[in-house]
Amino acid sequence: MFRLCVNIDWSRAITSIVLDIKHWGNNLGVRLPAAIARAAHLHADQRVNITVEGERVIITPIRDERLTLEQRLAFFDPERHGGEAMPAEKALGAEQW
């Protein structure tokens, strides 16, 4: 059995925990406790970069670049969404009185 020590430097406070490495198919895997994932702002299916420095395994989250409003609007497809981004011809939901 292997052991992995995970150190996450978050706001200059180090959170540390000792975990067991388990077989996952033909690979090895580590389950991160929810508290560690929250502290590092990690979520399921997030892409990470894994590097090895000496005997240390470093997991670095890959953050998506935040799009500007102009970039987001460039992705808008009027045909797919029925024309306008938000129909203005009638009141909807709580707007009705």
PDB file of N, CA and C in Angstrom:
ATOM      1  N   MET A   1       0.844  -1.169   0.000  1.00  0.00           N
ATOM      2  CA  MET A   1       0.000   0.000   0.000  1.00  0.00           C
ATOM      3  C   MET A   1       0.896   1.242   0.000  1.00  0.00           C
ATOM      4  N   PHE A   2       0.529   2.221  -0.801  1.00  0.00           N
ATOM      5  CA  PHE A   2       1.268   3.470  -0.885  1.00  0.00           C
ATOM      6  C   PHE A   2       0.572   4.517  -0.027  1.00  0.00           C
ATOM      7  N   ARG A   3       1.313   5.515   0.406  1.00  0.00           N
ATOM      8  CA  ARG A   3       0.732   6.637   1.130  1.00  0.00           C
ATOM      9  C   ARG A   3       1.107   7.915   0.392  1.00  0.00           C
ATOM     10  N   LEU A   4       0.182   8.856   0.379  1.00  0.00           N
ATOM     11  CA  LEU A   4       0.406  10.138  -0.280  1.00  0.00           C
ATOM     12  C   LEU A   4       0.049  11.226   0.706  1.00  0.00           C
ATOM     13  N   CYS A   5       0.924  12.163   0.900  1.00  0.00           N
ATOM     14  CA  CYS A   5       0.641  13.304   1.761  1.00  0.00           C
ATOM     15  C   CYS A   5       0.302  14.478   0.861  1.00  0.00           C
ATOM     16  N   VAL A   6      -0.879  15.057   1.048  1.00  0.00           N
ATOM     17  CA  VAL A   6      -1.352  16.157   0.220  1.00  0.00           C
ATOM     18  C   VAL A   6      -1.205  17.448   1.007  1.00  0.00           C
ATOM     19  N   ASN A   7      -0.467  18.393   0.475  1.00  0.00           N
ATOM     20  CA  ASN A   7      -0.331  19.712   1.086  1.00  0.00           C
ATOM     21  C   ASN A   7      -0.893  20.734   0.124  1.00  0.00           C
ATOM     22  N   ILE A   8      -1.856  21.502   0.577  1.00  0.00           N
ATOM     23  CA  ILE A   8      -2.443  22.543  -0.260  1.00  0.00           C
ATOM     24  C   ILE A   8      -2.211  23.877   0.427  1.00  0.00           C
ATOM     25  N   ASP A   9      -1.491  24.764  -0.245  1.00  0.00           N
ATOM     26  CA  ASP A   9      -1.237  26.095   0.290  1.00  0.00           C
ATOM     27  C   ASP A   9      -2.377  26.995  -0.149  1.00  0.00           C
ATOM     28  N   TRP A  10      -3.268  27.317   0.762  1.00  0.00           N
ATOM     29  CA  TRP A  10      -4.433  28.134   0.444  1.00  0.00           C
ATOM     30  C   TRP A  10      -4.439  29.320   1.381  1.00  0.00           C
ATOM     31  N   SER A  11      -4.249  30.522   0.837  1.00  0.00           N
ATOM     32  CA  SER A  11      -4.206  31.758   1.613  1.00  0.00           C
ATOM     33  C   SER A  11      -3.165  31.671   2.727  1.00  0.00           C
ATOM     34  N   ARG A  12      -2.036  31.107   2.393  1.00  0.00           N
ATOM     35  CA  ARG A  12      -0.896  30.989   3.297  1.00  0.00           C
ATOM     36  C   ARG A  12      -1.167  30.118   4.519  1.00  0.00           C
ATOM     37  N   ALA A  13      -2.243  29.375   4.508  1.00  0.00           N
ATOM     38  CA  ALA A  13      -2.506  28.384   5.553  1.00  0.00           C
ATOM     39  C   ALA A  13      -2.400  27.019   4.896  1.00  0.00           C
ATOM     40  N   ILE A  14      -1.611  26.131   5.461  1.00  0.00           N
ATOM     41  CA  ILE A  14      -1.414  24.823   4.841  1.00  0.00           C
ATOM     42  C   ILE A  14      -2.364  23.822   5.471  1.00  0.00           C
ATOM     43  N   THR A  15      -3.115  23.146   4.631  1.00  0.00           N
ATOM     44  CA  THR A  15      -3.982  22.065   5.055  1.00  0.00           C
ATOM     45  C   THR A  15      -3.282  20.783   4.659  1.00  0.00           C
ATOM     46  N   SER A  16      -3.152  19.865   5.587  1.00  0.00           N
ATOM     47  CA  SER A  16      -2.405  18.642   5.306  1.00  0.00           C
ATOM     48  C   SER A  16      -3.190  17.433   5.786  1.00  0.00           C
ATOM     49  N   ILE A  17      -3.113  16.352   5.024  1.00  0.00           N
ATOM     50  CA  ILE A  17      -3.796  15.114   5.376  1.00  0.00           C
ATOM     51  C   ILE A  17      -3.033  13.953   4.760  1.00  0.00           C
ATOM     52  N   VAL A  18      -3.041  12.812   5.417  1.00  0.00           N
ATOM     53  CA  VAL A  18      -2.403  11.607   4.887  1.00  0.00           C
ATOM     54  C   VAL A  18      -3.491  10.715   4.311  1.00  0.00           C
ATOM     55  N   LEU A  19      -3.333  10.314   3.042  1.00  0.00           N
ATOM     56  CA  LEU A  19      -4.324   9.496   2.342  1.00  0.00           C
ATOM     57  C   LEU A  19      -3.680   8.225   1.815  1.00  0.00           C
ATOM     58  N   ASP A  20      -4.491   7.221   1.539  1.00  0.00           N
ATOM     59  CA  ASP A  20      -4.015   5.983   0.925  1.00  0.00           C
ATOM     60  C   ASP A  20      -4.224   6.039  -0.582  1.00  0.00           C
ATOM     61  N   ILE A  21      -3.248   5.550  -1.329  1.00  0.00           N
ATOM     62  CA  ILE A  21      -3.374   5.414  -2.776  1.00  0.00           C
ATOM     63  C   ILE A  21      -3.993   4.050  -3.045  1.00  0.00           C
ATOM     64  N   LYS A  22      -5.022   4.010  -3.870  1.00  0.00           N
ATOM     65  CA  LYS A  22      -5.745   2.774  -4.173  1.00  0.00           C
ATOM     66  C   LYS A  22      -5.660   2.470  -5.663  1.00  0.00           C
ATOM     67  N   HIS A  23      -5.860   1.209  -6.002  1.00  0.00           N
ATOM     68  CA  HIS A  23      -5.959   0.821  -7.410  1.00  0.00           C
ATOM     69  C   HIS A  23      -7.284   1.325  -7.960  1.00  0.00           C
ATOM     70  N   TRP A  24      -7.245   1.860  -9.173  1.00  0.00           N
ATOM     71  CA  TRP A  24      -8.441   2.325  -9.868  1.00  0.00           C
ATOM     72  C   TRP A  24      -8.285   1.827 -11.297  1.00  0.00           C
ATOM     73  N   GLY A  25      -8.826   0.644 -11.583  1.00  0.00           N
ATOM     74  CA  GLY A  25      -8.587   0.004 -12.874  1.00  0.00           C
ATOM     75  C   GLY A  25      -7.119  -0.362 -12.969  1.00  0.00           C
ATOM     76  N   ASN A  26      -6.453   0.044 -14.045  1.00  0.00           N
ATOM     77  CA  ASN A  26      -5.014  -0.202 -14.199  1.00  0.00           C
ATOM     78  C   ASN A  26      -4.176   0.943 -13.643  1.00  0.00           C
ATOM     79  N   ASN A  27      -4.822   1.934 -13.044  1.00  0.00           N
ATOM     80  CA  ASN A  27      -4.137   3.121 -12.548  1.00  0.00           C
ATOM     81  C   ASN A  27      -4.185   3.163 -11.031  1.00  0.00           C
ATOM     82  N   LEU A  28      -3.591   4.202 -10.490  1.00  0.00           N
ATOM     83  CA  LEU A  28      -3.672   4.468  -9.062  1.00  0.00           C
ATOM     84  C   LEU A  28      -4.459   5.746  -8.862  1.00  0.00           C
ATOM     85  N   GLY A  29      -5.185   5.839  -7.754  1.00  0.00           N
ATOM     86  CA  GLY A  29      -6.001   7.022  -7.517  1.00  0.00           C
ATOM     87  C   GLY A  29      -6.020   7.419  -6.052  1.00  0.00           C
ATOM     88  N   VAL A  30      -6.317   8.686  -5.813  1.00  0.00           N
ATOM     89  CA  VAL A  30      -6.454   9.243  -4.472  1.00  0.00           C
ATOM     90  C   VAL A  30      -7.785   9.968  -4.415  1.00  0.00           C
ATOM     91  N   ARG A  31      -8.565   9.728  -3.372  1.00  0.00           N
ATOM     92  CA  ARG A  31      -9.818  10.467  -3.176  1.00  0.00           C
ATOM     93  C   ARG A  31      -9.530  11.648  -2.260  1.00  0.00           C
ATOM     94  N   LEU A  32      -9.857  12.832  -2.737  1.00  0.00           N
ATOM     95  CA  LEU A  32      -9.660  14.024  -1.915  1.00  0.00           C
ATOM     96  C   LEU A  32     -10.884  14.232  -1.037  1.00  0.00           C
ATOM     97  N   PRO A  33     -10.701  14.420   0.259  1.00  0.00           N
ATOM     98  CA  PRO A  33     -11.846  14.710   1.122  1.00  0.00           C
ATOM     99  C   PRO A  33     -12.506  16.025   0.708  1.00  0.00           C
ATOM    100  N   ALA A  34     -13.806  16.131   0.957  1.00  0.00           N
ATOM    101  CA  ALA A  34     -14.568  17.319   0.556  1.00  0.00           C
ATOM    102  C   ALA A  34     -13.972  18.595   1.140  1.00  0.00           C
ATOM    103  N   ALA A  35     -13.491  18.553   2.374  1.00  0.00           N
ATOM    104  CA  ALA A  35     -12.927  19.758   3.001  1.00  0.00           C
ATOM    105  C   ALA A  35     -11.688  20.239   2.255  1.00  0.00           C
ATOM    106  N   ILE A  36     -10.852  19.317   1.807  1.00  0.00           N
ATOM    107  CA  ILE A  36      -9.657  19.685   1.035  1.00  0.00           C
ATOM    108  C   ILE A  36     -10.070  20.262  -0.316  1.00  0.00           C
ATOM    109  N   ALA A  37     -11.029  19.616  -0.974  1.00  0.00           N
ATOM    110  CA  ALA A  37     -11.496  20.096  -2.279  1.00  0.00           C
ATOM    111  C   ALA A  37     -12.085  21.496  -2.158  1.00  0.00           C
ATOM    112  N   ARG A  38     -12.884  21.729  -1.110  1.00  0.00           N
ATOM    113  CA  ARG A  38     -13.468  23.067  -0.912  1.00  0.00           C
ATOM    114  C   ARG A  38     -12.378  24.101  -0.656  1.00  0.00           C
ATOM    115  N   ALA A  39     -11.402  23.760   0.181  1.00  0.00           N
ATOM    116  CA  ALA A  39     -10.333  24.710   0.509  1.00  0.00           C
ATOM    117  C   ALA A  39      -9.536  25.110  -0.726  1.00  0.00           C
ATOM    118  N   ALA A  40      -9.392  24.178  -1.670  1.00  0.00           N
ATOM    119  CA  ALA A  40      -8.625  24.454  -2.892  1.00  0.00           C
ATOM    120  C   ALA A  40      -9.514  24.880  -4.056  1.00  0.00           C
ATOM    121  N   HIS A  41     -10.826  25.013  -3.809  1.00  0.00           N
ATOM    122  CA  HIS A  41     -11.799  25.380  -4.849  1.00  0.00           C
ATOM    123  C   HIS A  41     -11.755  24.399  -6.016  1.00  0.00           C
ATOM    124  N   LEU A  42     -11.702  23.098  -5.700  1.00  0.00           N
ATOM    125  CA  LEU A  42     -11.728  22.045  -6.713  1.00  0.00           C
ATOM    126  C   LEU A  42     -13.134  21.480  -6.811  1.00  0.00           C
ATOM    127  N   HIS A  43     -13.496  20.979  -7.982  1.00  0.00           N
ATOM    128  CA  HIS A  43     -14.813  20.370  -8.158  1.00  0.00           C
ATOM    129  C   HIS A  43     -14.685  19.147  -9.059  1.00  0.00           C
ATOM    130  N   ALA A  44     -15.711  18.317  -9.047  1.00  0.00           N
ATOM    131  CA  ALA A  44     -15.711  17.094  -9.856  1.00  0.00           C
ATOM    132  C   ALA A  44     -15.553  17.443 -11.331  1.00  0.00           C
ATOM    133  N   ASP A  45     -14.827  16.641 -12.042  1.00  0.00           N
ATOM    134  CA  ASP A  45     -14.577  16.773 -13.481  1.00  0.00           C
ATOM    135  C   ASP A  45     -13.713  17.975 -13.849  1.00  0.00           C
ATOM    136  N   GLN A  46     -13.128  18.643 -12.868  1.00  0.00           N
ATOM    137  CA  GLN A  46     -12.231  19.758 -13.165  1.00  0.00           C
ATOM    138  C   GLN A  46     -10.901  19.201 -13.662  1.00  0.00           C
ATOM    139  N   ARG A  47     -10.331  19.866 -14.635  1.00  0.00           N
ATOM    140  CA  ARG A  47      -9.032  19.443 -15.157  1.00  0.00           C
ATOM    141  C   ARG A  47      -7.933  19.972 -14.234  1.00  0.00           C
ATOM    142  N   VAL A  48      -6.909  19.140 -14.021  1.00  0.00           N
ATOM    143  CA  VAL A  48      -5.777  19.528 -13.193  1.00  0.00           C
ATOM    144  C   VAL A  48      -4.484  19.158 -13.909  1.00  0.00           C
ATOM    145  N   ASN A  49      -3.423  19.828 -13.538  1.00  0.00           N
ATOM    146  CA  ASN A  49      -2.094  19.513 -14.039  1.00  0.00           C
ATOM    147  C   ASN A  49      -1.353  18.799 -12.909  1.00  0.00           C
ATOM    148  N   ILE A  50      -0.767  17.636 -13.194  1.00  0.00           N
ATOM    149  CA  ILE A  50      -0.047  16.871 -12.182  1.00  0.00           C
ATOM    150  C   ILE A  50       1.423  16.831 -12.570  1.00  0.00           C
ATOM    151  N   THR A  51       2.277  17.285 -11.650  1.00  0.00           N
ATOM    152  CA  THR A  51       3.715  17.282 -11.889  1.00  0.00           C
ATOM    153  C   THR A  51       4.411  16.557 -10.737  1.00  0.00           C
ATOM    154  N   VAL A  52       5.614  16.094 -11.001  1.00  0.00           N
ATOM    155  CA  VAL A  52       6.419  15.422  -9.986  1.00  0.00           C
ATOM    156  C   VAL A  52       7.696  16.223  -9.806  1.00  0.00           C
ATOM    157  N   GLU A  53       7.977  16.613  -8.574  1.00  0.00           N
ATOM    158  CA  GLU A  53       9.219  17.305  -8.227  1.00  0.00           C
ATOM    159  C   GLU A  53       9.880  16.507  -7.117  1.00  0.00           C
ATOM    160  N   GLY A  54      10.937  15.800  -7.459  1.00  0.00           N
ATOM    161  CA  GLY A  54      11.575  14.922  -6.480  1.00  0.00           C
ATOM    162  C   GLY A  54      10.600  13.819  -6.095  1.00  0.00           C
ATOM    163  N   GLU A  55      10.275  13.723  -4.815  1.00  0.00           N
ATOM    164  CA  GLU A  55       9.307  12.731  -4.346  1.00  0.00           C
ATOM    165  C   GLU A  55       7.933  13.348  -4.113  1.00  0.00           C
ATOM    166  N   ARG A  56       7.724  14.578  -4.554  1.00  0.00           N
ATOM    167  CA  ARG A  56       6.446  15.271  -4.349  1.00  0.00           C
ATOM    168  C   ARG A  56       5.601  15.208  -5.605  1.00  0.00           C
ATOM    169  N   VAL A  57       4.325  14.948  -5.416  1.00  0.00           N
ATOM    170  CA  VAL A  57       3.343  15.003  -6.501  1.00  0.00           C
ATOM    171  C   VAL A  57       2.559  16.286  -6.286  1.00  0.00           C
ATOM    172  N   ILE A  58       2.542  17.153  -7.285  1.00  0.00           N
ATOM    173  CA  ILE A  58       1.884  18.456  -7.163  1.00  0.00           C
ATOM    174  C   ILE A  58       0.687  18.490  -8.099  1.00  0.00           C
ATOM    175  N   ILE A  59      -0.478  18.761  -7.529  1.00  0.00           N
ATOM    176  CA  ILE A  59      -1.725  18.856  -8.295  1.00  0.00           C
ATOM    177  C   ILE A  59      -2.106  20.327  -8.364  1.00  0.00           C
ATOM    178  N   THR A  60      -2.145  20.862  -9.571  1.00  0.00           N
ATOM    179  CA  THR A  60      -2.475  22.272  -9.776  1.00  0.00           C
ATOM    180  C   THR A  60      -3.736  22.373 -10.615  1.00  0.00           C
ATOM    181  N   PRO A  61      -4.782  23.051 -10.096  1.00  0.00           N
ATOM    182  CA  PRO A  61      -6.006  23.179 -10.888  1.00  0.00           C
ATOM    183  C   PRO A  61      -5.773  24.020 -12.130  1.00  0.00           C
ATOM    184  N   ILE A  62      -6.428  23.630 -13.212  1.00  0.00           N
ATOM    185  CA  ILE A  62      -6.406  24.419 -14.443  1.00  0.00           C
ATOM    186  C   ILE A  62      -7.681  25.251 -14.430  1.00  0.00           C
ATOM    187  N   ARG A  63      -7.523  26.532 -14.313  1.00  0.00           N
ATOM    188  CA  ARG A  63      -8.671  27.440 -14.231  1.00  0.00           C
ATOM    189  C   ARG A  63      -9.035  27.917 -15.629  1.00  0.00           C
ATOM    190  N   ASP A  64     -10.314  27.869 -15.926  1.00  0.00           N
ATOM    191  CA  ASP A  64     -10.780  28.405 -17.201  1.00  0.00           C
ATOM    192  C   ASP A  64     -10.671  29.917 -17.163  1.00  0.00           C
ATOM    193  N   GLU A  65     -10.252  30.472 -18.277  1.00  0.00           N
ATOM    194  CA  GLU A  65     -10.155  31.919 -18.375  1.00  0.00           C
ATOM    195  C   GLU A  65     -11.562  32.507 -18.358  1.00  0.00           C
ATOM    196  N   ARG A  66     -11.781  33.526 -17.538  1.00  0.00           N
ATOM    197  CA  ARG A  66     -13.095  34.156 -17.467  1.00  0.00           C
ATOM    198  C   ARG A  66     -13.335  34.968 -18.735  1.00  0.00           C
ATOM    199  N   LEU A  67     -14.484  34.736 -19.339  1.00  0.00           N
ATOM    200  CA  LEU A  67     -14.825  35.433 -20.574  1.00  0.00           C
ATOM    201  C   LEU A  67     -15.450  36.783 -20.259  1.00  0.00           C
ATOM    202  N   THR A  68     -15.160  37.769 -21.101  1.00  0.00           N
ATOM    203  CA  THR A  68     -15.812  39.064 -20.974  1.00  0.00           C
ATOM    204  C   THR A  68     -17.230  38.938 -21.528  1.00  0.00           C
ATOM    205  N   LEU A  69     -18.072  39.922 -21.256  1.00  0.00           N
ATOM    206  CA  LEU A  69     -19.431  39.910 -21.781  1.00  0.00           C
ATOM    207  C   LEU A  69     -19.400  39.864 -23.305  1.00  0.00           C
ATOM    208  N   GLU A  70     -18.502  40.607 -23.894  1.00  0.00           N
ATOM    209  CA  GLU A  70     -18.390  40.625 -25.356  1.00  0.00           C
ATOM    210  C   GLU A  70     -18.051  39.232 -25.903  1.00  0.00           C
ATOM    211  N   GLN A  71     -17.150  38.519 -25.227  1.00  0.00           N
ATOM    212  CA  GLN A  71     -16.785  37.167 -25.657  1.00  0.00           C
ATOM    213  C   GLN A  71     -17.959  36.200 -25.482  1.00  0.00           C
ATOM    214  N   ARG A  72     -18.700  36.336 -24.388  1.00  0.00           N
ATOM    215  CA  ARG A  72     -19.860  35.467 -24.165  1.00  0.00           C
ATOM    216  C   ARG A  72     -20.937  35.698 -25.217  1.00  0.00           C
ATOM    217  N   LEU A  73     -21.192  36.959 -25.538  1.00  0.00           N
ATOM    218  CA  LEU A  73     -22.211  37.267 -26.537  1.00  0.00           C
ATOM    219  C   LEU A  73     -21.810  36.759 -27.917  1.00  0.00           C
ATOM    220  N   ALA A  74     -20.504  36.670 -28.172  1.00  0.00           N
ATOM    221  CA  ALA A  74     -20.040  36.148 -29.461  1.00  0.00           C
ATOM    222  C   ALA A  74     -20.423  34.677 -29.629  1.00  0.00           C
ATOM    223  N   PHE A  75     -20.597  33.945 -28.522  1.00  0.00           N
ATOM    224  CA  PHE A  75     -21.004  32.538 -28.584  1.00  0.00           C
ATOM    225  C   PHE A  75     -22.511  32.371 -28.769  1.00  0.00           C
ATOM    226  N   PHE A  76     -23.287  33.440 -28.592  1.00  0.00           N
ATOM    227  CA  PHE A  76     -24.748  33.350 -28.669  1.00  0.00           C
ATOM    228  C   PHE A  76     -25.187  33.048 -30.099  1.00  0.00           C
ATOM    229  N   ASP A  77     -26.038  32.041 -30.238  1.00  0.00           N
ATOM    230  CA  ASP A  77     -26.566  31.635 -31.540  1.00  0.00           C
ATOM    231  C   ASP A  77     -28.058  31.949 -31.569  1.00  0.00           C
ATOM    232  N   PRO A  78     -28.486  33.035 -32.255  1.00  0.00           N
ATOM    233  CA  PRO A  78     -29.897  33.429 -32.273  1.00  0.00           C
ATOM    234  C   PRO A  78     -30.812  32.342 -32.834  1.00  0.00           C
ATOM    235  N   GLU A  79     -30.343  31.568 -33.797  1.00  0.00           N
ATOM    236  CA  GLU A  79     -31.185  30.512 -34.373  1.00  0.00           C
ATOM    237  C   GLU A  79     -31.463  29.414 -33.353  1.00  0.00           C
ATOM    238  N   ARG A  80     -30.501  29.110 -32.563  1.00  0.00           N
ATOM    239  CA  ARG A  80     -30.666  28.055 -31.563  1.00  0.00           C
ATOM    240  C   ARG A  80     -31.567  28.502 -30.411  1.00  0.00           C
ATOM    241  N   HIS A  81     -31.537  29.779 -30.084  1.00  0.00           N
ATOM    242  CA  HIS A  81     -32.278  30.285 -28.931  1.00  0.00           C
ATOM    243  C   HIS A  81     -33.502  31.114 -29.315  1.00  0.00           C
ATOM    244  N   GLY A  82     -33.944  31.003 -30.529  1.00  0.00           N
ATOM    245  CA  GLY A  82     -35.178  31.667 -30.930  1.00  0.00           C
ATOM    246  C   GLY A  82     -35.084  33.163 -31.124  1.00  0.00           C
ATOM    247  N   GLY A  83     -33.984  33.661 -31.585  1.00  0.00           N
ATOM    248  CA  GLY A  83     -33.886  35.085 -31.902  1.00  0.00           C
ATOM    249  C   GLY A  83     -33.096  35.864 -30.882  1.00  0.00           C
ATOM    250  N   GLU A  84     -33.798  36.639 -30.046  1.00  0.00           N
ATOM    251  CA  GLU A  84     -33.120  37.519 -29.102  1.00  0.00           C
ATOM    252  C   GLU A  84     -32.627  36.757 -27.878  1.00  0.00           C
ATOM    253  N   ALA A  85     -31.683  37.371 -27.185  1.00  0.00           N
ATOM    254  CA  ALA A  85     -31.164  36.758 -25.966  1.00  0.00           C
ATOM    255  C   ALA A  85     -32.270  36.650 -24.923  1.00  0.00           C
ATOM    256  N   MET A  86     -33.155  37.661 -24.859  1.00  0.00           N
ATOM    257  CA  MET A  86     -34.294  37.618 -23.944  1.00  0.00           C
ATOM    258  C   MET A  86     -35.452  38.316 -24.627  1.00  0.00           C
ATOM    259  N   PRO A  87     -36.535  37.600 -24.867  1.00  0.00           N
ATOM    260  CA  PRO A  87     -37.664  38.232 -25.544  1.00  0.00           C
ATOM    261  C   PRO A  87     -38.197  39.406 -24.731  1.00  0.00           C
ATOM    262  N   ALA A  88     -38.438  40.532 -25.410  1.00  0.00           N
ATOM    263  CA  ALA A  88     -38.879  41.738 -24.721  1.00  0.00           C
ATOM    264  C   ALA A  88     -40.343  42.055 -24.980  1.00  0.00           C
ATOM    265  N   GLU A  89     -41.057  41.239 -25.769  1.00  0.00           N
ATOM    266  CA  GLU A  89     -42.419  41.594 -26.153  1.00  0.00           C
ATOM    267  C   GLU A  89     -43.447  41.414 -25.044  1.00  0.00           C
ATOM    268  N   LYS A  90     -43.201  40.549 -24.062  1.00  0.00           N
ATOM    269  CA  LYS A  90     -44.183  40.384 -22.990  1.00  0.00           C
ATOM    270  C   LYS A  90     -43.473  40.134 -21.667  1.00  0.00           C
ATOM    271  N   ALA A  91     -44.150  40.473 -20.591  1.00  0.00           N
ATOM    272  CA  ALA A  91     -43.605  40.267 -19.253  1.00  0.00           C
ATOM    273  C   ALA A  91     -43.617  38.778 -18.916  1.00  0.00           C
ATOM    274  N   LEU A  92     -42.601  38.350 -18.189  1.00  0.00           N
ATOM    275  CA  LEU A  92     -42.478  36.949 -17.816  1.00  0.00           C
ATOM    276  C   LEU A  92     -42.425  36.806 -16.300  1.00  0.00           C
ATOM    277  N   GLY A  93     -42.946  35.703 -15.776  1.00  0.00           N
ATOM    278  CA  GLY A  93     -42.816  35.369 -14.358  1.00  0.00           C
ATOM    279  C   GLY A  93     -43.266  36.474 -13.432  1.00  0.00           C
ATOM    280  N   ALA A  94     -42.393  36.873 -12.489  1.00  0.00           N
ATOM    281  CA  ALA A  94     -42.722  37.886 -11.484  1.00  0.00           C
ATOM    282  C   ALA A  94     -42.860  39.280 -12.092  1.00  0.00           C
ATOM    283  N   GLU A  95     -42.492  39.447 -13.368  1.00  0.00           N
ATOM    284  CA  GLU A  95     -42.642  40.746 -14.025  1.00  0.00           C
ATOM    285  C   GLU A  95     -44.107  41.049 -14.315  1.00  0.00           C
ATOM    286  N   GLN A  96     -44.940  40.008 -14.360  1.00  0.00           N
ATOM    287  CA  GLN A  96     -46.362  40.204 -14.663  1.00  0.00           C
ATOM    288  C   GLN A  96     -47.064  40.777 -13.433  1.00  0.00           C
ATOM    289  N   TRP A  97     -47.983  41.717 -13.666  1.00  0.00           N
ATOM    290  CA  TRP A  97     -48.795  42.241 -12.569  1.00  0.00           C
ATOM    291  C   TRP A  97     -50.190  42.517 -12.989  1.00  0.00           C
TER     292      TRP A  97
END
